[in-house]
Amino acid sequence: MLIIGYCLSIRSERRLSDEVHLNLAYRWFCRRGLDGRVPDHPTFSENRHGRFRDSDLLRRLFETMRARCIAEGLVGGEGFAVDGGLIGGDANRQKGVEGSAGLPA
């Protein structure tokens, strides 16, 4: 379930539980079936703060998945990029240009 959350940018454990509960594809991925119980959000917190805190299980899982993705050609593995650029905007309505007239030729 955490893999789904990370891949789809679902940051809330409560929302992740709801999404997996409702979405059949997520249930299939998590091997829950139609009537399988989906863990509630406190279960995630208990595991993260208790069982997995002193374990390197999640790190090993991530490294294994990364290696498999590289082996299958899904990712390159040689670098990464971060978009941290800030673009200033001119919000002055008096100077605005309508439609494509403001685009460079």
Protein backbone atom coordinates (compact mmCIF):
# COMPACT_ATOMS: atom_id res chain seq x y z
CA MET A 1 0.00 0.00 0.00
CA LEU A 2 2.84 2.38 0.74
CA ILE A 3 4.19 1.82 -2.77
CA ILE A 4 0.85 2.99 -4.17
CA GLY A 5 0.96 6.00 -1.89
CA TYR A 6 4.48 6.95 -2.93
CA CYS A 7 3.89 6.42 -6.65
CA LEU A 8 0.64 8.39 -6.69
CA SER A 9 1.76 11.11 -4.24
CA ILE A 10 -0.85 10.19 -1.68
CA ARG A 11 0.68 11.69 1.45
CA SER A 12 -2.19 11.04 3.84
CA GLU A 13 -2.37 7.56 5.33
CA ARG A 14 -6.08 8.06 5.93
CA ARG A 15 -6.61 8.90 2.26
CA LEU A 16 -4.41 5.98 1.18
CA SER A 17 -6.55 3.55 3.19
CA ASP A 18 -9.70 5.01 1.63
CA GLU A 19 -8.26 4.83 -1.90
CA VAL A 20 -7.20 1.19 -1.51
CA HIS A 21 -10.57 0.35 0.02
CA LEU A 22 -12.45 1.80 -2.99
CA ASN A 23 -10.15 1.14 -5.97
CA LEU A 24 -10.24 -2.40 -7.36
CA ALA A 25 -6.86 -2.06 -9.10
CA TYR A 26 -5.22 -1.02 -5.82
CA ARG A 27 -6.91 -3.93 -4.04
CA TRP A 28 -5.58 -6.31 -6.69
CA PHE A 29 -2.06 -4.87 -6.38
CA CYS A 30 -2.18 -5.25 -2.59
CA ARG A 31 -3.68 -8.76 -2.89
CA ARG A 32 -6.73 -7.78 -0.85
CA GLY A 33 -9.50 -9.19 -3.07
CA LEU A 34 -13.05 -7.85 -3.03
CA ASP A 35 -13.75 -8.75 0.57
CA GLY A 36 -10.24 -8.45 2.03
CA ARG A 37 -9.75 -6.12 4.98
CA VAL A 38 -7.78 -2.95 4.24
CA PRO A 39 -5.59 -1.70 7.12
CA ASP A 40 -6.76 1.56 8.63
CA HIS A 41 -4.52 4.62 8.96
CA PRO A 42 -3.39 4.07 12.59
CA THR A 43 -1.90 0.73 11.51
CA PHE A 44 0.52 2.59 9.21
CA SER A 45 1.65 4.88 12.02
CA GLU A 46 2.07 2.01 14.46
CA ASN A 47 4.22 0.11 11.98
CA ARG A 48 6.30 3.10 10.97
CA HIS A 49 6.95 4.26 14.54
CA GLY A 50 7.21 0.79 16.03
CA ARG A 51 8.06 -2.25 13.93
CA PHE A 52 9.94 -0.53 11.09
CA ARG A 53 11.80 2.19 13.02
CA ASP A 54 14.88 0.10 13.81
CA SER A 55 14.60 -2.09 10.74
CA ASP A 56 16.17 -1.54 7.34
CA LEU A 57 13.28 -3.40 5.66
CA LEU A 58 11.88 -0.37 3.82
CA ARG A 59 15.34 0.67 2.60
CA ARG A 60 16.04 -2.85 1.31
CA LEU A 61 12.62 -2.95 -0.36
CA PHE A 62 13.28 0.37 -2.10
CA GLU A 63 16.76 -0.69 -3.23
CA THR A 64 15.41 -3.99 -4.59
CA MET A 65 12.63 -2.22 -6.48
CA ARG A 66 15.09 0.31 -7.89
CA ALA A 67 17.42 -2.46 -9.07
CA ARG A 68 14.51 -4.31 -10.72
CA CYS A 69 13.34 -1.15 -12.49
CA ILE A 70 16.87 -0.53 -13.78
CA ALA A 71 17.20 -4.17 -14.92
CA GLU A 72 13.87 -3.94 -16.79
CA GLY A 73 14.88 -0.67 -18.45
CA LEU A 74 12.16 1.37 -16.75
CA VAL A 75 14.63 3.85 -15.28
CA GLY A 76 18.22 4.70 -16.08
CA GLY A 77 19.61 4.87 -12.57
CA GLU A 78 22.44 7.22 -13.51
CA GLY A 79 21.00 10.48 -12.21
CA PHE A 80 17.99 12.42 -11.10
CA ALA A 81 16.53 15.89 -11.51
CA VAL A 82 14.77 18.22 -9.14
CA ASP A 83 12.64 21.12 -10.28
CA GLY A 84 13.14 23.93 -7.84
CA GLY A 85 12.91 26.86 -10.19
CA LEU A 86 10.91 29.93 -9.27
CA ILE A 87 9.27 31.94 -12.01
CA GLY A 88 8.06 35.43 -11.25
CA GLY A 89 4.66 36.32 -12.61
CA ASP A 90 3.24 39.67 -13.62
CA ALA A 91 -0.30 39.75 -12.31
CA ASN A 92 -1.03 43.28 -13.49
CA ARG A 93 -4.34 43.17 -15.40
CA GLN A 94 -3.61 46.49 -17.10
CA LYS A 95 -0.54 45.07 -18.88
CA GLY A 96 -2.03 41.69 -19.81
CA VAL A 97 -2.20 40.44 -23.39
CA GLU A 98 -5.09 38.24 -24.52
CA GLY A 99 -4.77 34.83 -26.14
CA SER A 100 -1.73 33.88 -28.19
CA ALA A 101 -0.81 37.51 -28.91
CA GLY A 102 1.59 37.43 -25.97
CA LEU A 103 3.53 34.39 -27.23
CA PRO A 104 6.89 34.92 -28.95
CA ALA A 105 6.92 34.34 -32.71
